[in-house]
Amino acid sequence: MTIAPQNLSDPLVRSLALAINTGDREGFLSLLTDDATLSDDGSDRDLHQWIDKEIFTAGGHMDVRSESDGGRSLIADFRNDTWGEMRTAWRFEMTDGRISRIETGQA
């Protein structure tokens, strides 16, 4: 069973998941602090390169399976045209009403 993005608890995470699933790169970036960071499987990555490669040029899509930590931690089946589908964990840190860090990786 999945949780529809529009039903996620945290409004920023909800908007981010919707931006991923609709391919809205500008909407995604508007949710982040100017100095937001990202890690994938524990390694820091260049956020803009990563989202372009893994999400926005590769048909990235997430089906959320569960949420915790007030909606700031997700378990999702993430798929893209490069890697196919895998179970992933996502954790978000917030600063001043925007997302300042995304940590993702295989769950």
Protein backbone atom coordinates (compact mmCIF):
# COMPACT_ATOMS: atom_id res chain seq x y z
CA MET A 1 0.00 0.00 0.00
CA THR A 2 1.28 3.48 -0.81
CA ILE A 3 0.65 6.95 0.55
CA ALA A 4 -0.38 9.42 -2.14
CA PRO A 5 2.03 12.39 -2.17
CA GLN A 6 -0.82 14.82 -1.49
CA ASN A 7 -1.50 12.92 1.77
CA LEU A 8 2.00 13.21 3.24
CA SER A 9 2.10 14.90 6.64
CA ASP A 10 4.84 17.50 6.19
CA PRO A 11 3.84 20.22 3.69
CA LEU A 12 7.38 20.71 2.33
CA VAL A 13 7.96 16.99 1.87
CA ARG A 14 4.51 16.71 0.29
CA SER A 15 5.38 19.45 -2.22
CA LEU A 16 8.78 17.89 -2.92
CA ALA A 17 7.28 14.46 -3.62
CA LEU A 18 4.70 16.04 -5.93
CA ALA A 19 7.47 17.95 -7.74
CA ILE A 20 9.45 14.73 -8.23
CA ASN A 21 6.45 12.83 -9.55
CA THR A 22 5.39 15.57 -11.95
CA GLY A 23 8.90 16.37 -13.19
CA ASP A 24 8.75 19.92 -11.80
CA ARG A 25 12.44 20.80 -11.34
CA GLU A 26 11.81 24.48 -10.64
CA GLY A 27 9.13 23.63 -8.09
CA PHE A 28 11.54 21.18 -6.44
CA LEU A 29 14.32 23.76 -6.22
CA SER A 30 11.96 26.41 -4.83
CA LEU A 31 11.50 24.25 -1.71
CA LEU A 32 15.22 24.19 -0.88
CA THR A 33 17.49 26.61 0.92
CA ASP A 34 20.10 28.24 -1.30
CA ASP A 35 22.82 26.11 0.30
CA ALA A 36 20.89 22.83 0.50
CA THR A 37 22.94 19.63 0.48
CA LEU A 38 22.26 16.04 -0.52
CA SER A 39 23.77 12.68 0.31
CA ASP A 40 23.14 9.39 -1.49
CA ASP A 41 24.00 6.15 0.33
CA GLY A 42 26.05 8.17 2.83
CA SER A 43 28.16 10.10 0.30
CA ASP A 44 27.67 13.81 -0.26
CA ARG A 45 26.76 14.64 -3.86
CA ASP A 46 26.37 17.78 -5.91
CA LEU A 47 22.66 18.40 -5.42
CA HIS A 48 21.95 19.93 -8.83
CA GLN A 49 23.86 17.24 -10.75
CA TRP A 50 22.24 14.48 -8.72
CA ILE A 51 18.65 15.64 -9.14
CA ASP A 52 19.16 16.14 -12.86
CA LYS A 53 20.74 12.71 -13.36
CA GLU A 54 18.56 10.71 -10.95
CA ILE A 55 15.22 12.51 -11.16
CA PHE A 56 14.55 15.10 -13.81
CA THR A 57 16.25 13.66 -16.91
CA ALA A 58 15.60 10.06 -15.91
CA GLY A 59 11.86 10.01 -15.26
CA GLY A 60 12.26 9.80 -11.48
CA HIS A 61 9.14 8.79 -9.54
CA MET A 62 8.49 7.82 -5.93
CA ASP A 63 5.75 5.69 -4.43
CA VAL A 64 5.82 6.38 -0.69
CA ARG A 65 5.35 3.28 1.47
CA SER A 66 5.61 4.87 4.92
CA GLU A 67 6.48 8.06 6.73
CA SER A 68 7.83 8.84 10.19
CA ASP A 69 9.35 11.72 12.14
CA GLY A 70 6.36 13.96 11.43
CA GLY A 71 6.59 13.20 7.72
CA ARG A 72 10.28 14.15 7.44
CA SER A 73 11.43 10.56 6.90
CA LEU A 74 10.06 8.38 4.13
CA ILE A 75 10.43 4.86 2.85
CA ALA A 76 9.59 4.84 -0.84
CA ASP A 77 9.87 2.73 -3.94
CA PHE A 78 11.86 5.05 -6.21
CA ARG A 79 12.28 4.36 -9.90
CA ASN A 80 13.99 6.03 -12.79
CA ASP A 81 14.96 5.13 -16.34
CA THR A 82 18.60 4.51 -15.33
CA TRP A 83 18.36 2.15 -12.35
CA GLY A 84 14.82 0.80 -12.44
CA GLU A 85 13.02 0.54 -9.10
CA MET A 86 14.45 0.17 -5.62
CA ARG A 87 13.30 0.61 -2.04
CA THR A 88 14.78 3.86 -0.73
CA ALA A 89 14.90 5.86 2.47
CA TRP A 90 14.62 9.65 2.42
CA ARG A 91 15.26 12.01 5.34
CA PHE A 92 14.79 15.75 5.23
CA GLU A 93 16.19 18.52 7.43
CA MET A 94 14.50 21.92 7.50
CA THR A 95 15.85 25.42 8.05
CA ASP A 96 13.68 28.55 8.10
CA GLY A 97 10.73 26.86 6.40
CA ARG A 98 12.70 25.23 3.57
CA ILE A 99 14.53 21.95 3.05
CA SER A 100 18.23 22.31 3.85
CA ARG A 101 19.38 18.68 3.56
CA ILE A 102 18.19 15.56 1.80
CA GLU A 103 19.63 12.19 2.73
CA THR A 104 18.61 9.28 0.54
CA GLY A 105 19.80 5.79 -0.18
CA GLN A 106 18.74 2.21 -0.44
CA ALA A 107 16.53 1.03 2.39
